[in-house]
Amino acid sequence: MKVLPKLTAVVLTALVTLLMLTVTPAQAGTTQTPAERAREIATALEKDRLYVDPAYQAALPESMRADVRAKAKALGYPVYSIVLPLTPSDAFQGKESNVLTLVIDAMDKPGLYVVIDGGSRFPWYQVHELPQLDEDRLRPVRQRALADTGYDAGPTEVLARMYELLSSPALPPSKPTTGGGRDAGRDSDGSSGSSGGAVALFVVLGIVGVVVLGLVIGLARRGGGGLRRLRREKSFSIPPHVAATVAAEQRRRLTRETALELTTLGSKLAALPSAHGLGLSHQQAALDARQAAEKVLDSSEDLVDVVGAMVLLDKARREYDAAVAVAADRPIDAVPELCAFNPLHGRSSGRKTQVKSDGATLTLPLCADCRRALERGQAPSSLPGSDGPYWHGDDLWARTFFGALGDDLAGAVSRGDHRS
């Protein structure tokens, strides 16, 4: 009777040993350091400048990949595209900046490096030794590509559109949506069916008018309660918890992007030759603005703070470009400031705009959309704060409209005014 338990124990031990022998090597084979994973991607990019992670192989057929390759090749400089899922537990800790930094180190070749998570459609990029590309060119192209492709577009569609826009000397105007649909242009001479269509249109409009009139009379006879109910109906609004999630994601991505660009600019500033006079002034201004941006970003508490860091980074970049121009004995380019109502809108358009309210007049740099909204007597689409538009607050960003009022935002940050 004692033999059976011993035999059972022997069998179980053998099974466990066999399981460990078969599972352990497989797990060991899948564990990679960040550098090893980057080298794996770099090796694949040496053969094909579009790397698609195996997780997306089935979802992205060759026809979609060919479109990306063709449009990237047409740019005339090396473009390395990486499509892979990113999670906090992966080799790159879910950070696009880590992917780009490590892959560029492994490749060590000039080019535009772009990584996109197939689930988020947000291309991140880094330029390596390509003087013809800079942020002023790439940032609006990326934003336009996202706007053109729509929320349900796949990663290859976004990349293809981004590279297509990069090949144009300037961004083409946005395409207005039309109601033509499949029937547009069916009668090329414009005459076929025109009279019949007009009659049908009048008949339909007449019927609709009668129905609406009857509805209004019926509601009025019931004391107008129905009309009051109709007026009280609200338009669609994003639920607060969803809006909070979107804002948190926007802040996370903007923080990572700003931190990466601060690092890049720091390297460029360190490489500048010694200067004097006007060149030295611009160099120092760039260093001060960059240091202030880093300080704000490190202690940021909300999206408004992160945007403040982004504005200071933009100031630092413009001062750096001015220092480079002085060193090369070139005129300094006049670069418009960012939109004061919402720096995420991009650069201001035209001359600064006078805004009058309660007897006070402000002169602010505004984008075209915000200026048109004011001209129509409408509220501009301002950056949201904790209680309405950010400028309803009493912090440094609200008091200065992100530095549009005053000329030393970096100095104010160094004094700690952004925390007062």
Protein backbone atom coordinates (compact mmCIF):
# COMPACT_ATOMS: atom_id res chain seq x y z
CA MET A 1 0.00 0.00 0.00
CA LYS A 2 3.03 2.28 0.46
CA VAL A 3 4.29 1.77 -3.09
CA LEU A 4 1.51 3.79 -4.75
CA PRO A 5 2.17 7.07 -2.89
CA LYS A 6 5.91 6.76 -3.66
CA LEU A 7 5.20 6.11 -7.33
CA THR A 8 2.81 9.04 -7.45
CA ALA A 9 5.44 11.33 -5.92
CA VAL A 10 8.05 10.18 -8.44
CA VAL A 11 5.68 10.81 -11.37
CA LEU A 12 4.72 14.28 -10.09
CA THR A 13 8.38 15.19 -9.59
CA ALA A 14 9.20 14.08 -13.12
CA LEU A 15 6.30 16.10 -14.55
CA VAL A 16 7.30 19.24 -12.67
CA THR A 17 10.91 18.85 -13.80
CA LEU A 18 9.81 18.37 -17.41
CA LEU A 19 7.58 21.46 -17.21
CA MET A 20 10.42 23.58 -15.85
CA LEU A 21 12.75 22.38 -18.57
CA THR A 22 10.28 23.30 -21.28
CA VAL A 23 9.05 26.63 -19.86
CA THR A 24 12.21 28.22 -18.47
CA PRO A 25 14.18 28.40 -21.76
CA ALA A 26 11.20 29.95 -23.55
CA GLN A 27 10.84 32.64 -20.90
CA ALA A 28 14.54 33.33 -20.87
CA GLY A 29 14.51 33.69 -24.63
CA THR A 30 11.82 36.39 -24.55
CA THR A 31 13.46 38.58 -21.88
CA GLN A 32 15.38 41.44 -23.51
CA THR A 33 17.13 44.48 -22.19
CA PRO A 34 16.09 47.84 -23.70
CA ALA A 35 19.38 47.99 -25.64
CA GLU A 36 18.88 44.47 -27.02
CA ARG A 37 15.34 45.27 -28.12
CA ALA A 38 16.57 48.48 -29.76
CA ARG A 39 19.31 46.59 -31.61
CA GLU A 40 16.74 44.07 -32.81
CA ILE A 41 14.61 46.88 -34.27
CA ALA A 42 17.70 48.61 -35.72
CA THR A 43 18.80 45.40 -37.44
CA ALA A 44 15.36 45.08 -39.02
CA LEU A 45 15.46 48.74 -40.12
CA GLU A 46 18.75 48.12 -41.91
CA LYS A 47 16.84 45.79 -44.25
CA ASP A 48 13.48 47.59 -44.33
CA ARG A 49 13.04 51.19 -43.16
CA LEU A 50 9.51 50.36 -42.02
CA TYR A 51 9.53 48.13 -38.93
CA VAL A 52 6.18 46.61 -37.94
CA ASP A 53 6.04 44.67 -34.69
CA PRO A 54 4.76 41.08 -35.05
CA ALA A 55 1.71 42.07 -32.99
CA TYR A 56 0.54 44.25 -35.90
CA GLN A 57 1.69 42.08 -38.80
CA ALA A 58 -1.76 40.65 -39.57
CA ALA A 59 -3.56 43.98 -39.16
CA LEU A 60 -1.29 45.87 -41.59
CA PRO A 61 -1.23 44.21 -45.01
CA GLU A 62 1.57 44.78 -47.47
CA SER A 63 -0.45 47.29 -49.51
CA MET A 64 -0.63 49.65 -46.51
CA ARG A 65 3.05 49.26 -45.77
CA ALA A 66 4.01 49.87 -49.38
CA ASP A 67 2.23 53.24 -49.29
CA VAL A 68 4.29 54.32 -46.27
CA ARG A 69 7.54 53.14 -47.84
CA ALA A 70 6.83 54.93 -51.14
CA LYS A 71 5.96 58.26 -49.52
CA ALA A 72 8.90 58.08 -47.13
CA LYS A 73 11.30 57.29 -49.99
CA ALA A 74 9.99 60.25 -52.00
CA LEU A 75 11.28 62.64 -49.33
CA GLY A 76 14.86 62.13 -50.49
CA TYR A 77 16.38 61.63 -47.03
CA PRO A 78 16.39 58.53 -44.79
CA VAL A 79 13.14 57.98 -42.88
CA TYR A 80 12.91 55.14 -40.36
CA SER A 81 9.35 54.24 -39.33
CA ILE A 82 8.58 52.05 -36.32
CA VAL A 83 5.12 50.66 -35.52
CA LEU A 84 4.91 48.75 -32.27
CA PRO A 85 2.71 48.44 -29.17
CA LEU A 86 3.93 50.29 -26.11
CA THR A 87 3.04 49.39 -22.53
CA PRO A 88 4.60 50.33 -19.17
CA SER A 89 5.85 46.75 -18.78
CA ASP A 90 7.75 46.52 -22.08
CA ALA A 91 11.48 46.98 -22.64
CA PHE A 92 11.00 50.71 -23.29
CA GLN A 93 8.68 51.32 -20.29
CA GLY A 94 5.99 52.38 -22.73
CA LYS A 95 7.84 55.58 -23.70
CA GLU A 96 8.28 56.58 -27.31
CA SER A 97 11.25 58.77 -26.35
CA ASN A 98 13.09 55.69 -25.06
CA VAL A 99 12.44 53.87 -28.34
CA LEU A 100 13.80 56.74 -30.41
CA THR A 101 16.85 57.40 -28.25
CA LEU A 102 17.95 53.76 -28.10
CA VAL A 103 17.22 52.93 -31.74
CA ILE A 104 19.12 56.02 -32.94
CA ASP A 105 22.06 55.00 -30.76
CA ALA A 106 21.95 51.51 -32.25
CA MET A 107 21.62 52.75 -35.85
CA ASP A 108 23.93 55.77 -35.61
CA LYS A 109 22.78 56.98 -39.03
CA PRO A 110 21.34 60.34 -40.10
CA GLY A 111 17.61 60.35 -40.66
CA LEU A 112 14.13 61.13 -39.46
CA TYR A 113 13.09 58.51 -36.92
CA VAL A 114 9.36 58.09 -36.28
CA VAL A 115 7.65 55.74 -33.84
CA ILE A 116 3.91 55.23 -33.54
CA ASP A 117 1.90 53.04 -31.20
CA GLY A 118 -0.73 51.42 -33.37
CA GLY A 119 -3.35 51.95 -30.67
CA SER A 120 -2.85 55.66 -30.03
CA ARG A 121 -2.13 57.06 -33.54
CA PHE A 122 0.26 59.66 -32.13
CA PRO A 123 3.54 59.74 -34.11
CA TRP A 124 6.63 60.69 -32.16
CA TYR A 125 9.72 61.70 -34.07
CA GLN A 126 13.35 62.68 -33.63
CA VAL A 127 15.68 64.16 -36.21
CA HIS A 128 19.24 62.87 -36.22
CA GLU A 129 21.80 64.89 -38.19
CA LEU A 130 19.34 66.25 -40.78
CA PRO A 131 19.80 70.05 -40.82
CA GLN A 132 16.95 70.53 -43.31
CA LEU A 133 14.36 69.46 -40.72
CA ASP A 134 13.35 71.27 -37.54
CA GLU A 135 10.42 71.56 -35.13
CA ASP A 136 8.81 74.45 -37.00
CA ARG A 137 8.47 72.16 -40.00
CA LEU A 138 7.64 68.86 -38.31
CA ARG A 139 5.19 69.88 -35.59
CA PRO A 140 2.50 71.41 -37.83
CA VAL A 141 2.90 68.56 -40.33
CA ARG A 142 2.23 65.96 -37.63
CA GLN A 143 -0.79 67.84 -36.28
CA ARG A 144 -2.20 68.27 -39.78
CA ALA A 145 -1.69 64.56 -40.56
CA LEU A 146 -3.68 63.62 -37.45
CA ALA A 147 -6.44 66.07 -38.38
CA ASP A 148 -6.62 64.85 -41.98
CA THR A 149 -6.74 61.13 -41.26
CA GLY A 150 -9.51 61.11 -38.64
CA TYR A 151 -9.91 59.39 -35.31
CA ASP A 152 -10.36 55.89 -36.72
CA ALA A 153 -7.31 55.85 -39.01
CA GLY A 154 -4.64 53.20 -38.65
CA PRO A 155 -0.95 53.89 -37.98
CA THR A 156 0.21 53.41 -41.57
CA GLU A 157 -2.45 55.83 -42.82
CA VAL A 158 -1.25 58.52 -40.40
CA LEU A 159 2.40 57.95 -41.32
CA ALA A 160 1.67 58.01 -45.05
CA ARG A 161 -0.21 61.30 -44.73
CA MET A 162 2.55 62.80 -42.58
CA TYR A 163 5.23 61.93 -45.14
CA GLU A 164 3.02 63.15 -47.99
CA LEU A 165 2.67 66.54 -46.27
CA LEU A 166 6.41 66.69 -45.60
CA SER A 167 7.08 66.38 -49.32
CA SER A 168 5.12 69.60 -50.01
CA PRO A 169 7.00 72.92 -49.81
CA ALA A 170 4.19 74.26 -47.61
CA LEU A 171 1.10 72.82 -45.98
CA PRO A 172 -1.78 72.79 -48.47
CA PRO A 173 -5.06 74.40 -47.39
CA SER A 174 -7.51 72.18 -45.54
CA LYS A 175 -10.01 70.48 -47.77
CA PRO A 176 -13.57 71.66 -47.06
CA THR A 177 -16.10 68.92 -46.68
CA THR A 178 -18.81 68.96 -49.32
CA GLY A 179 -22.15 67.28 -49.57
CA GLY A 180 -21.60 66.04 -53.12
CA GLY A 181 -21.06 62.42 -52.17
CA ARG A 182 -21.36 59.72 -54.79
CA ASP A 183 -23.88 61.65 -56.90
CA ALA A 184 -21.75 64.76 -57.30
CA GLY A 185 -20.88 65.41 -60.93
CA ARG A 186 -23.22 62.73 -62.28
CA ASP A 187 -24.61 65.21 -64.88
CA SER A 188 -21.49 66.85 -66.28
CA ASP A 189 -23.36 69.56 -68.18
CA GLY A 190 -25.35 70.64 -65.09
CA SER A 191 -28.68 70.58 -66.96
CA SER A 192 -30.01 67.03 -66.63
CA GLY A 193 -32.69 66.80 -63.96
CA SER A 194 -32.22 70.39 -62.80
CA SER A 195 -35.87 71.49 -63.29
CA GLY A 196 -37.27 68.27 -61.86
CA GLY A 197 -34.96 68.52 -58.87
CA ALA A 198 -36.05 72.08 -58.19
CA VAL A 199 -39.75 71.15 -58.24
CA ALA A 200 -39.14 68.21 -55.94
CA LEU A 201 -37.18 70.43 -53.57
CA PHE A 202 -40.01 72.98 -53.35
CA VAL A 203 -42.56 70.22 -52.68
CA VAL A 204 -40.46 68.74 -49.90
CA LEU A 205 -39.86 72.14 -48.33
CA GLY A 206 -43.58 72.86 -48.42
CA ILE A 207 -44.43 69.60 -46.67
CA VAL A 208 -41.75 70.22 -44.03
CA GLY A 209 -43.10 73.73 -43.43
CA VAL A 210 -46.64 72.44 -42.88
CA VAL A 211 -45.44 69.77 -40.46
CA VAL A 212 -43.35 72.26 -38.47
CA LEU A 213 -46.23 74.76 -38.35
CA GLY A 214 -48.58 72.08 -37.07
CA LEU A 215 -46.08 71.07 -34.41
CA VAL A 216 -45.64 74.66 -33.22
CA ILE A 217 -49.41 75.27 -33.05
CA GLY A 218 -49.97 72.04 -31.15
CA LEU A 219 -47.27 72.85 -28.62
CA ALA A 220 -48.58 76.39 -28.18
CA ARG A 221 -52.12 75.10 -27.44
CA ARG A 222 -50.75 72.98 -24.62
CA GLY A 223 -49.53 76.12 -22.89
CA GLY A 224 -46.11 76.20 -24.43
CA GLY A 225 -44.79 73.52 -22.08
CA GLY A 226 -43.48 71.49 -24.98
CA LEU A 227 -41.59 74.46 -26.37
CA ARG A 228 -40.05 75.13 -22.99
CA ARG A 229 -38.99 71.51 -22.79
CA LEU A 230 -37.42 71.73 -26.23
CA ARG A 231 -35.49 74.83 -25.22
CA ARG A 232 -34.21 73.09 -22.12
CA GLU A 233 -32.79 70.15 -24.06
CA LYS A 234 -29.01 70.17 -23.95
CA SER A 235 -26.64 69.49 -26.78
CA PHE A 236 -24.19 66.62 -26.53
CA SER A 237 -21.37 67.14 -24.06
CA ILE A 238 -18.46 64.89 -23.15
CA PRO A 239 -18.99 63.31 -19.71
CA PRO A 240 -16.70 64.80 -17.04
CA HIS A 241 -14.90 61.52 -16.32
CA VAL A 242 -14.14 61.05 -20.03
CA ALA A 243 -12.94 64.66 -20.35
CA ALA A 244 -10.66 64.13 -17.34
CA THR A 245 -9.15 61.02 -18.94
CA VAL A 246 -8.54 62.87 -22.22
CA ALA A 247 -6.94 65.81 -20.37
CA ALA A 248 -4.69 63.47 -18.36
CA GLU A 249 -3.53 61.70 -21.52
CA GLN A 250 -2.90 65.02 -23.26
CA ARG A 251 -0.88 66.25 -20.29
CA ARG A 252 1.14 63.00 -20.14
CA ARG A 253 2.07 63.11 -23.80
CA LEU A 254 2.82 66.83 -23.82
CA THR A 255 5.04 66.39 -20.76
CA ARG A 256 7.03 63.62 -22.41
CA GLU A 257 7.34 65.52 -25.68
CA THR A 258 8.48 68.72 -23.95
CA ALA A 259 11.02 66.83 -21.82
CA LEU A 260 12.49 65.18 -24.91
CA GLU A 261 12.77 68.50 -26.75
CA LEU A 262 14.39 70.13 -23.71
CA THR A 263 17.08 67.46 -23.79
CA THR A 264 17.64 67.96 -27.51
CA LEU A 265 17.88 71.73 -27.15
CA GLY A 266 20.29 71.36 -24.22
CA SER A 267 22.66 69.39 -26.44
CA LYS A 268 22.44 72.02 -29.17
CA LEU A 269 23.12 74.86 -26.75
CA ALA A 270 26.13 73.04 -25.30
CA ALA A 271 27.56 72.71 -28.81
CA LEU A 272 27.36 76.44 -29.58
CA PRO A 273 30.74 78.21 -29.90
CA SER A 274 31.60 81.00 -27.49
CA ALA A 275 30.06 84.30 -28.51
CA HIS A 276 30.02 87.97 -27.52
CA GLY A 277 27.76 90.93 -27.95
CA LEU A 278 24.36 90.25 -29.48
CA GLY A 279 25.10 86.56 -30.03
CA LEU A 280 25.97 86.11 -26.35
CA SER A 281 22.73 87.86 -25.33
CA HIS A 282 20.64 85.45 -27.37
CA GLN A 283 22.61 82.46 -26.08
CA GLN A 284 22.03 83.53 -22.48
CA ALA A 285 18.33 84.17 -23.14
CA ALA A 286 18.01 80.68 -24.62
CA LEU A 287 19.74 79.12 -21.61
CA ASP A 288 17.53 81.07 -19.17
CA ALA A 289 14.32 80.13 -20.96
CA ARG A 290 15.32 76.48 -21.20
CA GLN A 291 16.25 76.34 -17.51
CA ALA A 292 12.91 77.96 -16.60
CA ALA A 293 11.01 75.48 -18.79
CA GLU A 294 12.75 72.57 -17.06
CA LYS A 295 11.93 74.03 -13.64
CA VAL A 296 8.26 74.43 -14.49
CA LEU A 297 7.99 70.97 -16.03
CA ASP A 298 9.61 69.28 -13.02
CA SER A 299 7.09 70.83 -10.63
CA SER A 300 4.05 70.91 -12.95
CA GLU A 301 0.69 70.22 -11.31
CA ASP A 302 -1.69 70.42 -14.25
CA LEU A 303 -1.95 70.88 -18.01
CA VAL A 304 -1.63 74.68 -17.74
CA ASP A 305 1.78 74.31 -16.09
CA VAL A 306 2.93 71.91 -18.79
CA VAL A 307 1.82 74.37 -21.48
CA GLY A 308 3.76 77.07 -19.62
CA ALA A 309 6.88 74.90 -19.89
CA MET A 310 6.16 74.39 -23.59
CA VAL A 311 5.91 78.19 -24.11
CA LEU A 312 9.26 78.71 -22.37
CA LEU A 313 10.79 75.96 -24.49
CA ASP A 314 9.52 77.71 -27.62
CA LYS A 315 11.10 80.95 -26.39
CA ALA A 316 14.40 79.12 -25.82
CA ARG A 317 14.31 77.64 -29.32
CA ARG A 318 13.70 81.04 -30.90
CA GLU A 319 16.59 82.58 -28.94
CA TYR A 320 18.84 79.67 -29.95
CA ASP A 321 17.97 80.20 -33.62
CA ALA A 322 18.74 83.91 -33.21
CA ALA A 323 22.14 83.08 -31.68
CA VAL A 324 22.93 80.75 -34.59
CA ALA A 325 21.91 83.45 -37.09
CA VAL A 326 24.16 86.05 -35.43
CA ALA A 327 27.10 83.63 -35.44
CA ALA A 328 26.56 83.01 -39.17
CA ASP A 329 26.17 86.74 -39.84
CA ARG A 330 22.61 86.19 -41.08
CA PRO A 331 19.50 88.29 -40.34
CA ILE A 332 17.42 86.99 -37.44
CA ASP A 333 14.13 85.54 -38.64
CA ALA A 334 10.99 87.10 -37.18
CA VAL A 335 9.06 84.18 -35.72
CA PRO A 336 5.51 84.87 -34.44
CA GLU A 337 4.69 84.08 -30.82
CA LEU A 338 2.29 81.33 -29.82
CA CYS A 339 -1.43 82.08 -29.49
CA ALA A 340 -2.06 83.80 -26.14
CA PHE A 341 -5.51 82.29 -25.61
CA ASN A 342 -4.25 78.76 -26.23
CA PRO A 343 -0.58 78.15 -27.11
CA LEU A 344 -1.57 74.67 -28.30
CA HIS A 345 -3.27 76.38 -31.27
CA GLY A 346 0.17 77.16 -32.66
CA ARG A 347 1.67 80.45 -33.78
CA SER A 348 -0.16 83.74 -33.92
CA SER A 349 -1.30 85.13 -37.24
CA GLY A 350 -0.71 88.67 -38.48
CA ARG A 351 -0.33 91.63 -36.18
CA LYS A 352 -1.16 91.49 -32.50
CA THR A 353 -4.85 91.98 -31.72
CA GLN A 354 -6.31 94.58 -29.37
CA VAL A 355 -8.78 93.05 -26.92
CA LYS A 356 -10.95 95.47 -24.92
CA SER A 357 -12.90 94.54 -21.79
CA ASP A 358 -14.08 96.51 -18.73
CA GLY A 359 -12.18 99.61 -19.76
CA ALA A 360 -8.88 97.76 -20.22
CA THR A 361 -7.14 97.09 -23.52
CA LEU A 362 -4.76 94.21 -24.08
CA THR A 363 -2.61 93.64 -27.15
CA LEU A 364 -2.21 89.90 -27.64
CA PRO A 365 -0.77 87.55 -30.27
CA LEU A 366 -3.69 85.41 -31.47
CA CYS A 367 -4.14 82.63 -33.98
CA ALA A 368 -6.54 83.19 -36.88
CA ASP A 369 -9.36 81.14 -35.29
CA CYS A 370 -9.28 83.06 -32.00
CA ARG A 371 -9.18 86.38 -33.83
CA ARG A 372 -12.19 85.42 -35.96
CA ALA A 373 -14.10 84.32 -32.87
CA LEU A 374 -13.56 87.73 -31.25
CA GLU A 375 -14.63 89.50 -34.43
CA ARG A 376 -17.88 87.51 -34.36
CA GLY A 377 -18.43 88.41 -30.73
CA GLN A 378 -17.82 84.80 -29.63
CA ALA A 379 -15.58 83.44 -26.90
CA PRO A 380 -12.31 82.04 -28.27
CA SER A 381 -11.42 78.40 -27.68
CA SER A 382 -9.10 79.08 -24.76
CA LEU A 383 -6.93 76.59 -22.91
CA PRO A 384 -9.11 75.27 -20.05
CA GLY A 385 -8.07 75.85 -16.46
CA SER A 386 -9.55 74.72 -13.15
CA ASP A 387 -12.48 77.16 -13.47
CA GLY A 388 -13.19 77.96 -17.11
CA PRO A 389 -10.52 79.47 -19.38
CA TYR A 390 -7.04 79.40 -17.86
CA TRP A 391 -6.90 83.20 -17.71
CA HIS A 392 -9.69 83.19 -15.12
CA GLY A 393 -7.01 82.11 -12.64
CA ASP A 394 -4.54 84.25 -10.73
CA ASP A 395 -1.27 82.49 -11.49
CA LEU A 396 1.68 83.69 -13.56
CA TRP A 397 0.26 82.19 -16.77
CA ALA A 398 -3.08 84.01 -16.36
CA ARG A 399 -1.52 87.33 -15.29
CA THR A 400 0.80 87.41 -18.31
CA PHE A 401 -1.18 85.38 -20.87
CA PHE A 402 1.76 82.96 -21.04
CA GLY A 403 4.28 85.77 -21.32
CA ALA A 404 2.42 87.81 -23.95
CA LEU A 405 2.25 90.66 -21.39
CA GLY A 406 5.74 91.50 -20.18
CA ASP A 407 9.08 90.48 -21.58
CA ASP A 408 10.74 88.29 -18.92
CA LEU A 409 8.68 85.17 -18.30
CA ALA A 410 11.84 83.15 -17.63
CA GLY A 411 12.94 85.66 -14.99
CA ALA A 412 9.54 85.48 -13.31
CA VAL A 413 9.83 81.70 -13.13
CA SER A 414 13.35 81.88 -11.70
CA ARG A 415 11.94 84.12 -8.92
CA GLY A 416 9.28 81.52 -8.20
CA ASP A 417 6.37 83.67 -9.40
CA HIS A 418 4.75 80.64 -11.07
CA ARG A 419 4.10 79.24 -7.60
CA SER A 420 2.78 82.42 -5.98
